[in-house]
Structure formats: C-alpha cells, structure tokens
Amino acid sequence: GEAGQALSEDSDGTESPAYLYWVDAGELRVMESRVYTEL
C-alpha cells in the first residue's frame, strides 16, 4: 500500500523512495500477486 501510494505521488520535483527507479504500476501488481500467493 505504501509503495502504491508513493508511486501515485511520484513526480518531478518530489523526493521519492529509491526503489521507484525500477517500480511501475505493472511491477507493483506483480509483487502484489506474489504476496497473495505466499499468503
């Protein structure tokens, strides 16, 4: 949820978490699916 929030707020001129350089909405869905699988 925090990653999704950070991704939605990511824009030029804002400080973003370092991981956002490789995360996009598709990659976040992949990670979400993995979490649900593990749970």
PDB file of all heavy atoms in Angstrom:
ATOM      1  N   GLY A   1       0.820  -1.212   0.000  1.00  0.00           N
ATOM      2  CA  GLY A   1       0.000   0.000   0.000  1.00  0.00           C
ATOM      3  C   GLY A   1       0.850   1.256   0.000  1.00  0.00           C
ATOM      4  O   GLY A   1       0.564   2.212  -0.730  1.00  0.00           O
ATOM      5  N   GLU A   2       1.900   1.241   0.803  1.00  0.00           N
ATOM      6  CA  GLU A   2       2.804   2.390   0.845  1.00  0.00           C
ATOM      7  C   GLU A   2       3.518   2.581  -0.494  1.00  0.00           C
ATOM      8  O   GLU A   2       3.693   3.709  -0.956  1.00  0.00           O
ATOM      9  CB  GLU A   2       3.823   2.221   1.975  1.00  0.00           C
ATOM     10  CG  GLU A   2       3.205   2.341   3.354  1.00  0.00           C
ATOM     11  CD  GLU A   2       4.165   1.963   4.468  1.00  0.00           C
ATOM     12  OE1 GLU A   2       5.362   1.689   4.198  1.00  0.00           O
ATOM     13  OE2 GLU A   2       3.718   1.941   5.632  1.00  0.00           O
ATOM     14  N   ALA A   3       3.922   1.481  -1.110  1.00  0.00           N
ATOM     15  CA  ALA A   3       4.577   1.568  -2.421  1.00  0.00           C
ATOM     16  C   ALA A   3       3.606   2.104  -3.468  1.00  0.00           C
ATOM     17  O   ALA A   3       3.972   2.936  -4.302  1.00  0.00           O
ATOM     18  CB  ALA A   3       5.108   0.202  -2.839  1.00  0.00           C
ATOM     19  N   GLY A   4       2.363   1.651  -3.433  1.00  0.00           N
ATOM     20  CA  GLY A   4       1.356   2.158  -4.363  1.00  0.00           C
ATOM     21  C   GLY A   4       1.116   3.642  -4.167  1.00  0.00           C
ATOM     22  O   GLY A   4       0.988   4.389  -5.152  1.00  0.00           O
ATOM     23  N   GLN A   5       1.076   4.062  -2.930  1.00  0.00           N
ATOM     24  CA  GLN A   5       0.891   5.485  -2.635  1.00  0.00           C
ATOM     25  C   GLN A   5       2.076   6.294  -3.154  1.00  0.00           C
ATOM     26  O   GLN A   5       1.908   7.336  -3.777  1.00  0.00           O
ATOM     27  CB  GLN A   5       0.721   5.694  -1.124  1.00  0.00           C
ATOM     28  CG  GLN A   5       0.424   7.110  -0.723  1.00  0.00           C
ATOM     29  CD  GLN A   5      -0.954   7.561  -1.161  1.00  0.00           C
ATOM     30  OE1 GLN A   5      -1.882   6.772  -1.287  1.00  0.00           O
ATOM     31  NE2 GLN A   5      -1.090   8.845  -1.432  1.00  0.00           N
ATOM     32  N   ALA A   6       3.285   5.821  -2.893  1.00  0.00           N
ATOM     33  CA  ALA A   6       4.489   6.523  -3.356  1.00  0.00           C
ATOM     34  C   ALA A   6       4.515   6.599  -4.875  1.00  0.00           C
ATOM     35  O   ALA A   6       4.863   7.631  -5.448  1.00  0.00           O
ATOM     36  CB  ALA A   6       5.740   5.815  -2.843  1.00  0.00           C
ATOM     37  N   LEU A   7       4.103   5.527  -5.524  1.00  0.00           N
ATOM     38  CA  LEU A   7       4.076   5.503  -6.981  1.00  0.00           C
ATOM     39  C   LEU A   7       3.067   6.500  -7.529  1.00  0.00           C
ATOM     40  O   LEU A   7       3.345   7.219  -8.491  1.00  0.00           O
ATOM     41  CB  LEU A   7       3.753   4.092  -7.469  1.00  0.00           C
ATOM     42  CG  LEU A   7       3.853   3.816  -8.953  1.00  0.00           C
ATOM     43  CD1 LEU A   7       5.274   4.050  -9.450  1.00  0.00           C
ATOM     44  CD2 LEU A   7       3.438   2.393  -9.261  1.00  0.00           C
ATOM     45  N   SER A   8       1.916   6.598  -6.890  1.00  0.00           N
ATOM     46  CA  SER A   8       0.888   7.520  -7.366  1.00  0.00           C
ATOM     47  C   SER A   8       1.277   8.979  -7.144  1.00  0.00           C
ATOM     48  O   SER A   8       0.813   9.866  -7.852  1.00  0.00           O
ATOM     49  CB  SER A   8      -0.459   7.226  -6.708  1.00  0.00           C
ATOM     50  OG  SER A   8      -0.438   7.583  -5.344  1.00  0.00           O
ATOM     51  N   GLU A   9       2.129   9.214  -6.157  1.00  0.00           N
ATOM     52  CA  GLU A   9       2.548  10.586  -5.857  1.00  0.00           C
ATOM     53  C   GLU A   9       3.873  10.965  -6.519  1.00  0.00           C
ATOM     54  O   GLU A   9       4.334  12.095  -6.376  1.00  0.00           O
ATOM     55  CB  GLU A   9       2.676  10.757  -4.339  1.00  0.00           C
ATOM     56  CG  GLU A   9       1.352  10.630  -3.615  1.00  0.00           C
ATOM     57  CD  GLU A   9       1.496  10.607  -2.100  1.00  0.00           C
ATOM     58  OE1 GLU A   9       2.642  10.590  -1.599  1.00  0.00           O
ATOM     59  OE2 GLU A   9       0.459  10.586  -1.422  1.00  0.00           O
ATOM     60  N   ASP A  10       4.488  10.030  -7.235  1.00  0.00           N
ATOM     61  CA  ASP A  10       5.797  10.273  -7.845  1.00  0.00           C
ATOM     62  C   ASP A  10       5.676  11.292  -8.973  1.00  0.00           C
ATOM     63  O   ASP A  10       4.855  11.148  -9.875  1.00  0.00           O
ATOM     64  CB  ASP A  10       6.371   8.965  -8.389  1.00  0.00           C
ATOM     65  CG  ASP A  10       7.794   9.121  -8.877  1.00  0.00           C
ATOM     66  OD1 ASP A  10       8.575   9.833  -8.222  1.00  0.00           O
ATOM     67  OD2 ASP A  10       8.121   8.526  -9.918  1.00  0.00           O
ATOM     68  N   SER A  11       6.474  12.325  -8.897  1.00  0.00           N
ATOM     69  CA  SER A  11       6.507  13.338  -9.955  1.00  0.00           C
ATOM     70  C   SER A  11       7.828  14.090  -9.866  1.00  0.00           C
ATOM     71  O   SER A  11       8.540  14.011  -8.864  1.00  0.00           O
ATOM     72  CB  SER A  11       5.325  14.309  -9.829  1.00  0.00           C
ATOM     73  OG  SER A  11       5.415  15.025  -8.615  1.00  0.00           O
ATOM     74  N   ASP A  12       8.146  14.807 -10.920  1.00  0.00           N
ATOM     75  CA  ASP A  12       9.350  15.627 -10.909  1.00  0.00           C
ATOM     76  C   ASP A  12       9.241  16.651  -9.791  1.00  0.00           C
ATOM     77  O   ASP A  12       8.186  17.225  -9.548  1.00  0.00           O
ATOM     78  CB  ASP A  12       9.530  16.346 -12.249  1.00  0.00           C
ATOM     79  CG  ASP A  12       9.853  15.371 -13.377  1.00  0.00           C
ATOM     80  OD1 ASP A  12      10.365  14.279 -13.080  1.00  0.00           O
ATOM     81  OD2 ASP A  12       9.590  15.707 -14.545  1.00  0.00           O
ATOM     82  N   GLY A  13      10.349  16.858  -9.107  1.00  0.00           N
ATOM     83  CA  GLY A  13      10.368  17.851  -8.052  1.00  0.00           C
ATOM     84  C   GLY A  13       9.989  17.330  -6.686  1.00  0.00           C
ATOM     85  O   GLY A  13      10.001  18.068  -5.715  1.00  0.00           O
ATOM     86  N   THR A  14       9.599  16.049  -6.591  1.00  0.00           N
ATOM     87  CA  THR A  14       9.289  15.474  -5.287  1.00  0.00           C
ATOM     88  C   THR A  14      10.325  14.412  -4.957  1.00  0.00           C
ATOM     89  O   THR A  14      10.834  13.741  -5.847  1.00  0.00           O
ATOM     90  CB  THR A  14       7.884  14.827  -5.253  1.00  0.00           C
ATOM     91  OG1 THR A  14       7.840  13.758  -6.188  1.00  0.00           O
ATOM     92  CG2 THR A  14       6.798  15.835  -5.562  1.00  0.00           C
ATOM     93  N   GLU A  15      10.615  14.262  -3.695  1.00  0.00           N
ATOM     94  CA  GLU A  15      11.545  13.220  -3.275  1.00  0.00           C
ATOM     95  C   GLU A  15      10.769  11.912  -3.160  1.00  0.00           C
ATOM     96  O   GLU A  15       9.766  11.834  -2.449  1.00  0.00           O
ATOM     97  CB  GLU A  15      12.185  13.579  -1.936  1.00  0.00           C
ATOM     98  CG  GLU A  15      13.284  12.623  -1.557  1.00  0.00           C
ATOM     99  CD  GLU A  15      14.036  13.059  -0.314  1.00  0.00           C
ATOM    100  OE1 GLU A  15      13.998  14.253   0.028  1.00  0.00           O
ATOM    101  OE2 GLU A  15      14.649  12.185   0.302  1.00  0.00           O
ATOM    102  N   SER A  16      11.249  10.913  -3.877  1.00  0.00           N
ATOM    103  CA  SER A  16      10.568   9.627  -3.909  1.00  0.00           C
ATOM    104  C   SER A  16      11.457   8.556  -3.299  1.00  0.00           C
ATOM    105  O   SER A  16      12.682   8.697  -3.289  1.00  0.00           O
ATOM    106  CB  SER A  16      10.250   9.235  -5.353  1.00  0.00           C
ATOM    107  OG  SER A  16       9.436  10.202  -5.959  1.00  0.00           O
ATOM    108  N   PRO A  17      10.862   7.451  -2.829  1.00  0.00           N
ATOM    109  CA  PRO A  17      11.680   6.342  -2.342  1.00  0.00           C
ATOM    110  C   PRO A  17      12.616   5.843  -3.445  1.00  0.00           C
ATOM    111  O   PRO A  17      12.265   5.860  -4.631  1.00  0.00           O
ATOM    112  CB  PRO A  17      10.654   5.269  -1.975  1.00  0.00           C
ATOM    113  CG  PRO A  17       9.375   6.003  -1.766  1.00  0.00           C
ATOM    114  CD  PRO A  17       9.432   7.180  -2.696  1.00  0.00           C
ATOM    115  N   ALA A  18      13.801   5.397  -3.056  1.00  0.00           N
ATOM    116  CA  ALA A  18      14.821   4.984  -4.023  1.00  0.00           C
ATOM    117  C   ALA A  18      14.356   3.835  -4.923  1.00  0.00           C
ATOM    118  O   ALA A  18      14.773   3.753  -6.079  1.00  0.00           O
ATOM    119  CB  ALA A  18      16.099   4.590  -3.288  1.00  0.00           C
ATOM    120  N   TYR A  19      13.487   2.959  -4.426  1.00  0.00           N
ATOM    121  CA  TYR A  19      13.064   1.805  -5.219  1.00  0.00           C
ATOM    122  C   TYR A  19      12.204   2.179  -6.420  1.00  0.00           C
ATOM    123  O   TYR A  19      11.996   1.374  -7.316  1.00  0.00           O
ATOM    124  CB  TYR A  19      12.330   0.772  -4.361  1.00  0.00           C
ATOM    125  CG  TYR A  19      11.068   1.278  -3.704  1.00  0.00           C
ATOM    126  CD1 TYR A  19       9.868   1.364  -4.397  1.00  0.00           C
ATOM    127  CD2 TYR A  19      11.078   1.668  -2.367  1.00  0.00           C
ATOM    128  CE1 TYR A  19       8.724   1.828  -3.783  1.00  0.00           C
ATOM    129  CE2 TYR A  19       9.926   2.133  -1.758  1.00  0.00           C
ATOM    130  CZ  TYR A  19       8.761   2.213  -2.449  1.00  0.00           C
ATOM    131  OH  TYR A  19       7.628   2.665  -1.847  1.00  0.00           O
ATOM    132  N   LEU A  20      11.693   3.382  -6.470  1.00  0.00           N
ATOM    133  CA  LEU A  20      10.796   3.741  -7.576  1.00  0.00           C
ATOM    134  C   LEU A  20      11.503   3.833  -8.925  1.00  0.00           C
ATOM    135  O   LEU A  20      10.846   3.899  -9.942  1.00  0.00           O
ATOM    136  CB  LEU A  20      10.064   5.049  -7.285  1.00  0.00           C
ATOM    137  CG  LEU A  20       8.903   4.958  -6.310  1.00  0.00           C
ATOM    138  CD1 LEU A  20       8.164   6.287  -6.236  1.00  0.00           C
ATOM    139  CD2 LEU A  20       7.944   3.844  -6.664  1.00  0.00           C
ATOM    140  N   TYR A  21      12.824   3.767  -8.928  1.00  0.00           N
ATOM    141  CA  TYR A  21      13.506   3.816 -10.219  1.00  0.00           C
ATOM    142  C   TYR A  21      13.206   2.576 -11.056  1.00  0.00           C
ATOM    143  O   TYR A  21      13.308   2.608 -12.273  1.00  0.00           O
ATOM    144  CB  TYR A  21      15.024   4.006 -10.042  1.00  0.00           C
ATOM    145  CG  TYR A  21      15.780   2.758  -9.683  1.00  0.00           C
ATOM    146  CD1 TYR A  21      16.346   1.965 -10.675  1.00  0.00           C
ATOM    147  CD2 TYR A  21      15.933   2.367  -8.361  1.00  0.00           C
ATOM    148  CE1 TYR A  21      17.039   0.807 -10.343  1.00  0.00           C
ATOM    149  CE2 TYR A  21      16.615   1.236  -8.025  1.00  0.00           C
ATOM    150  CZ  TYR A  21      17.173   0.446  -9.011  1.00  0.00           C
ATOM    151  OH  TYR A  21      17.857  -0.693  -8.689  1.00  0.00           O
ATOM    152  N   TRP A  22      12.815   1.470 -10.437  1.00  0.00           N
ATOM    153  CA  TRP A  22      12.509   0.256 -11.205  1.00  0.00           C
ATOM    154  C   TRP A  22      11.081  -0.224 -11.036  1.00  0.00           C
ATOM    155  O   TRP A  22      10.673  -1.191 -11.666  1.00  0.00           O
ATOM    156  CB  TRP A  22      13.479  -0.874 -10.864  1.00  0.00           C
ATOM    157  CG  TRP A  22      13.379  -1.407  -9.463  1.00  0.00           C
ATOM    158  CD1 TRP A  22      14.051  -0.964  -8.378  1.00  0.00           C
ATOM    159  CD2 TRP A  22      12.548  -2.483  -9.006  1.00  0.00           C
ATOM    160  NE1 TRP A  22      13.687  -1.686  -7.268  1.00  0.00           N
ATOM    161  CE2 TRP A  22      12.784  -2.634  -7.620  1.00  0.00           C
ATOM    162  CE3 TRP A  22      11.644  -3.336  -9.624  1.00  0.00           C
ATOM    163  CZ2 TRP A  22      12.141  -3.592  -6.852  1.00  0.00           C
ATOM    164  CZ3 TRP A  22      11.003  -4.294  -8.851  1.00  0.00           C
ATOM    165  CH2 TRP A  22      11.252  -4.411  -7.481  1.00  0.00           C
ATOM    166  N   VAL A  23      10.296   0.437 -10.230  1.00  0.00           N
ATOM    167  CA  VAL A  23       8.914   0.008  -9.997  1.00  0.00           C
ATOM    168  C   VAL A  23       7.959   0.882 -10.797  1.00  0.00           C
ATOM    169  O   VAL A  23       8.043   2.100 -10.774  1.00  0.00           O
ATOM    170  CB  VAL A  23       8.559   0.086  -8.491  1.00  0.00           C
ATOM    171  CG1 VAL A  23       7.093  -0.224  -8.266  1.00  0.00           C
ATOM    172  CG2 VAL A  23       9.428  -0.853  -7.686  1.00  0.00           C
ATOM    173  N   ASP A  24       7.077   0.218 -11.502  1.00  0.00           N
ATOM    174  CA  ASP A  24       5.966   0.912 -12.147  1.00  0.00           C
ATOM    175  C   ASP A  24       4.692   0.189 -11.717  1.00  0.00           C
ATOM    176  O   ASP A  24       4.742  -0.749 -10.919  1.00  0.00           O
ATOM    177  CB  ASP A  24       6.137   0.946 -13.671  1.00  0.00           C
ATOM    178  CG  ASP A  24       6.199  -0.436 -14.315  1.00  0.00           C
ATOM    179  OD1 ASP A  24       5.848  -1.439 -13.664  1.00  0.00           O
ATOM    180  OD2 ASP A  24       6.603  -0.514 -15.484  1.00  0.00           O
ATOM    181  N   ALA A  25       3.576   0.616 -12.228  1.00  0.00           N
ATOM    182  CA  ALA A  25       2.300   0.027 -11.809  1.00  0.00           C
ATOM    183  C   ALA A  25       2.249  -1.470 -12.112  1.00  0.00           C
ATOM    184  O   ALA A  25       1.741  -2.261 -11.309  1.00  0.00           O
ATOM    185  CB  ALA A  25       1.139   0.749 -12.481  1.00  0.00           C
ATOM    186  N   GLY A  26       2.777  -1.883 -13.255  1.00  0.00           N
ATOM    187  CA  GLY A  26       2.791  -3.302 -13.613  1.00  0.00           C
ATOM    188  C   GLY A  26       3.634  -4.130 -12.669  1.00  0.00           C
ATOM    189  O   GLY A  26       3.220  -5.210 -12.225  1.00  0.00           O
ATOM    190  N   GLU A  27       4.815  -3.630 -12.351  1.00  0.00           N
ATOM    191  CA  GLU A  27       5.696  -4.347 -11.431  1.00  0.00           C
ATOM    192  C   GLU A  27       5.087  -4.429 -10.040  1.00  0.00           C
ATOM    193  O   GLU A  27       5.207  -5.450  -9.349  1.00  0.00           O
ATOM    194  CB  GLU A  27       7.066  -3.670 -11.371  1.00  0.00           C
ATOM    195  CG  GLU A  27       8.085  -4.409 -10.545  1.00  0.00           C
ATOM    196  CD  GLU A  27       8.458  -5.780 -11.078  1.00  0.00           C
ATOM    197  OE1 GLU A  27       8.369  -6.001 -12.306  1.00  0.00           O
ATOM    198  OE2 GLU A  27       8.828  -6.641 -10.261  1.00  0.00           O
ATOM    199  N   LEU A  28       4.398  -3.404  -9.624  1.00  0.00           N
ATOM    200  CA  LEU A  28       3.742  -3.429  -8.320  1.00  0.00           C
ATOM    201  C   LEU A  28       2.635  -4.481  -8.285  1.00  0.00           C
ATOM    202  O   LEU A  28       2.466  -5.186  -7.295  1.00  0.00           O
ATOM    203  CB  LEU A  28       3.197  -2.045  -7.973  1.00  0.00           C
ATOM    204  CG  LEU A  28       2.742  -1.854  -6.536  1.00  0.00           C
ATOM    205  CD1 LEU A  28       3.871  -2.131  -5.540  1.00  0.00           C
ATOM    206  CD2 LEU A  28       2.214  -0.452  -6.341  1.00  0.00           C
ATOM    207  N   ARG A  29       1.900  -4.639  -9.395  1.00  0.00           N
ATOM    208  CA  ARG A  29       0.868  -5.685  -9.470  1.00  0.00           C
ATOM    209  C   ARG A  29       1.505  -7.072  -9.389  1.00  0.00           C
ATOM    210  O   ARG A  29       0.949  -7.985  -8.792  1.00  0.00           O
ATOM    211  CB  ARG A  29       0.037  -5.531 -10.736  1.00  0.00           C
ATOM    212  CG  ARG A  29      -0.941  -4.397 -10.636  1.00  0.00           C
ATOM    213  CD  ARG A  29      -2.016  -4.336 -11.718  1.00  0.00           C
ATOM    214  NE  ARG A  29      -1.873  -5.143 -12.884  1.00  0.00           N
ATOM    215  CZ  ARG A  29      -1.407  -4.722 -14.071  1.00  0.00           C
ATOM    216  NH1 ARG A  29      -1.018  -3.488 -14.227  1.00  0.00           N
ATOM    217  NH2 ARG A  29      -1.344  -5.539 -15.103  1.00  0.00           N
ATOM    218  N   VAL A  30       2.676  -7.229 -10.014  1.00  0.00           N
ATOM    219  CA  VAL A  30       3.394  -8.499  -9.926  1.00  0.00           C
ATOM    220  C   VAL A  30       3.730  -8.801  -8.467  1.00  0.00           C
ATOM    221  O   VAL A  30       3.513  -9.916  -7.980  1.00  0.00           O
ATOM    222  CB  VAL A  30       4.674  -8.475 -10.794  1.00  0.00           C
ATOM    223  CG1 VAL A  30       5.583  -9.641 -10.478  1.00  0.00           C
ATOM    224  CG2 VAL A  30       4.325  -8.459 -12.269  1.00  0.00           C
ATOM    225  N   MET A  31       4.255  -7.821  -7.769  1.00  0.00           N
ATOM    226  CA  MET A  31       4.617  -8.019  -6.361  1.00  0.00           C
ATOM    227  C   MET A  31       3.392  -8.294  -5.502  1.00  0.00           C
ATOM    228  O   MET A  31       3.415  -9.123  -4.597  1.00  0.00           O
ATOM    229  CB  MET A  31       5.377  -6.802  -5.826  1.00  0.00           C
ATOM    230  CG  MET A  31       6.747  -6.606  -6.440  1.00  0.00           C
ATOM    231  SD  MET A  31       7.856  -8.009  -6.173  1.00  0.00           S
ATOM    232  CE  MET A  31       7.802  -8.826  -7.765  1.00  0.00           C
ATOM    233  N   GLU A  32       2.296  -7.613  -5.800  1.00  0.00           N
ATOM    234  CA  GLU A  32       1.052  -7.845  -5.066  1.00  0.00           C
ATOM    235  C   GLU A  32       0.572  -9.283  -5.277  1.00  0.00           C
ATOM    236  O   GLU A  32       0.168  -9.965  -4.329  1.00  0.00           O
ATOM    237  CB  GLU A  32      -0.019  -6.855  -5.515  1.00  0.00           C
ATOM    238  CG  GLU A  32      -1.302  -6.951  -4.738  1.00  0.00           C
ATOM    239  CD  GLU A  32      -2.339  -5.931  -5.185  1.00  0.00           C
ATOM    240  OE1 GLU A  32      -2.090  -5.167  -6.139  1.00  0.00           O
ATOM    241  OE2 GLU A  32      -3.409  -5.909  -4.560  1.00  0.00           O
ATOM    242  N   SER A  33       0.644  -9.764  -6.510  1.00  0.00           N
ATOM    243  CA  SER A  33       0.216 -11.137  -6.790  1.00  0.00           C
ATOM    244  C   SER A  33       1.091 -12.134  -6.052  1.00  0.00           C
ATOM    245  O   SER A  33       0.612 -13.155  -5.562  1.00  0.00           O
ATOM    246  CB  SER A  33       0.216 -11.415  -8.293  1.00  0.00           C
ATOM    247  OG  SER A  33       1.527 -11.423  -8.821  1.00  0.00           O
ATOM    248  N   ARG A  34       2.381 -11.826  -5.944  1.00  0.00           N
ATOM    249  CA  ARG A  34       3.296 -12.715  -5.211  1.00  0.00           C
ATOM    250  C   ARG A  34       2.933 -12.752  -3.728  1.00  0.00           C
ATOM    251  O   ARG A  34       2.945 -13.816  -3.093  1.00  0.00           O
ATOM    252  CB  ARG A  34       4.737 -12.253  -5.388  1.00  0.00           C
ATOM    253  CG  ARG A  34       5.744 -13.103  -4.656  1.00  0.00           C
ATOM    254  CD  ARG A  34       5.738 -14.511  -5.188  1.00  0.00           C
ATOM    255  NE  ARG A  34       6.784 -15.292  -4.565  1.00  0.00           N
ATOM    256  CZ  ARG A  34       6.782 -16.601  -4.525  1.00  0.00           C
ATOM    257  NH1 ARG A  34       5.792 -17.280  -5.073  1.00  0.00           N
ATOM    258  NH2 ARG A  34       7.749 -17.249  -3.951  1.00  0.00           N
ATOM    259  N   VAL A  35       2.622 -11.609  -3.159  1.00  0.00           N
ATOM    260  CA  VAL A  35       2.251 -11.551  -1.741  1.00  0.00           C
ATOM    261  C   VAL A  35       0.996 -12.386  -1.501  1.00  0.00           C
ATOM    262  O   VAL A  35       0.950 -13.195  -0.573  1.00  0.00           O
ATOM    263  CB  VAL A  35       2.050 -10.097  -1.276  1.00  0.00           C
ATOM    264  CG1 VAL A  35       1.381 -10.036   0.089  1.00  0.00           C
ATOM    265  CG2 VAL A  35       3.385  -9.363  -1.258  1.00  0.00           C
ATOM    266  N   TYR A  36      -0.018 -12.227  -2.335  1.00  0.00           N
ATOM    267  CA  TYR A  36      -1.244 -13.005  -2.166  1.00  0.00           C
ATOM    268  C   TYR A  36      -0.973 -14.502  -2.320  1.00  0.00           C
ATOM    269  O   TYR A  36      -1.570 -15.324  -1.616  1.00  0.00           O
ATOM    270  CB  TYR A  36      -2.323 -12.562  -3.149  1.00  0.00           C
ATOM    271  CG  TYR A  36      -2.958 -11.248  -2.802  1.00  0.00           C
ATOM    272  CD1 TYR A  36      -3.110 -10.257  -3.766  1.00  0.00           C
ATOM    273  CD2 TYR A  36      -3.418 -10.981  -1.523  1.00  0.00           C
ATOM    274  CE1 TYR A  36      -3.706  -9.047  -3.461  1.00  0.00           C
ATOM    275  CE2 TYR A  36      -4.012  -9.776  -1.203  1.00  0.00           C
ATOM    276  CZ  TYR A  36      -4.154  -8.813  -2.177  1.00  0.00           C
ATOM    277  OH  TYR A  36      -4.735  -7.613  -1.867  1.00  0.00           O
ATOM    278  N   THR A  37      -0.060 -14.862  -3.230  1.00  0.00           N
ATOM    279  CA  THR A  37       0.289 -16.270  -3.401  1.00  0.00           C
ATOM    280  C   THR A  37       0.943 -16.804  -2.136  1.00  0.00           C
ATOM    281  O   THR A  37       0.580 -17.878  -1.641  1.00  0.00           O
ATOM    282  CB  THR A  37       1.236 -16.449  -4.609  1.00  0.00           C
ATOM    283  OG1 THR A  37       0.600 -15.967  -5.785  1.00  0.00           O
ATOM    284  CG2 THR A  37       1.590 -17.915  -4.817  1.00  0.00           C
ATOM    285  N   GLU A  38       1.892 -16.067  -1.593  1.00  0.00           N
ATOM    286  CA  GLU A  38       2.588 -16.501  -0.380  1.00  0.00           C
ATOM    287  C   GLU A  38       1.673 -16.538   0.843  1.00  0.00           C
ATOM    288  O   GLU A  38       1.893 -17.340   1.749  1.00  0.00           O
ATOM    289  CB  GLU A  38       3.793 -15.600  -0.102  1.00  0.00           C
ATOM    290  CG  GLU A  38       4.952 -15.856  -1.029  1.00  0.00           C
ATOM    291  CD  GLU A  38       5.481 -17.276  -0.936  1.00  0.00           C
ATOM    292  OE1 GLU A  38       5.781 -17.741   0.180  1.00  0.00           O
ATOM    293  OE2 GLU A  38       5.578 -17.940  -1.989  1.00  0.00           O
ATOM    294  N   LEU A  39       0.670 -15.688   0.859  1.00  0.00           N
ATOM    295  CA  LEU A  39      -0.287 -15.668   1.968  1.00  0.00           C
ATOM    296  C   LEU A  39      -1.387 -16.720   1.795  1.00  0.00           C
ATOM    297  O   LEU A  39      -2.292 -16.803   2.615  1.00  0.00           O
ATOM    298  CB  LEU A  39      -0.922 -14.277   2.108  1.00  0.00           C
ATOM    299  CG  LEU A  39       0.007 -13.164   2.569  1.00  0.00           C
ATOM    300  CD1 LEU A  39      -0.719 -11.820   2.540  1.00  0.00           C
ATOM    301  CD2 LEU A  39       0.548 -13.457   3.966  1.00  0.00           C
TER     302      LEU A  39
END
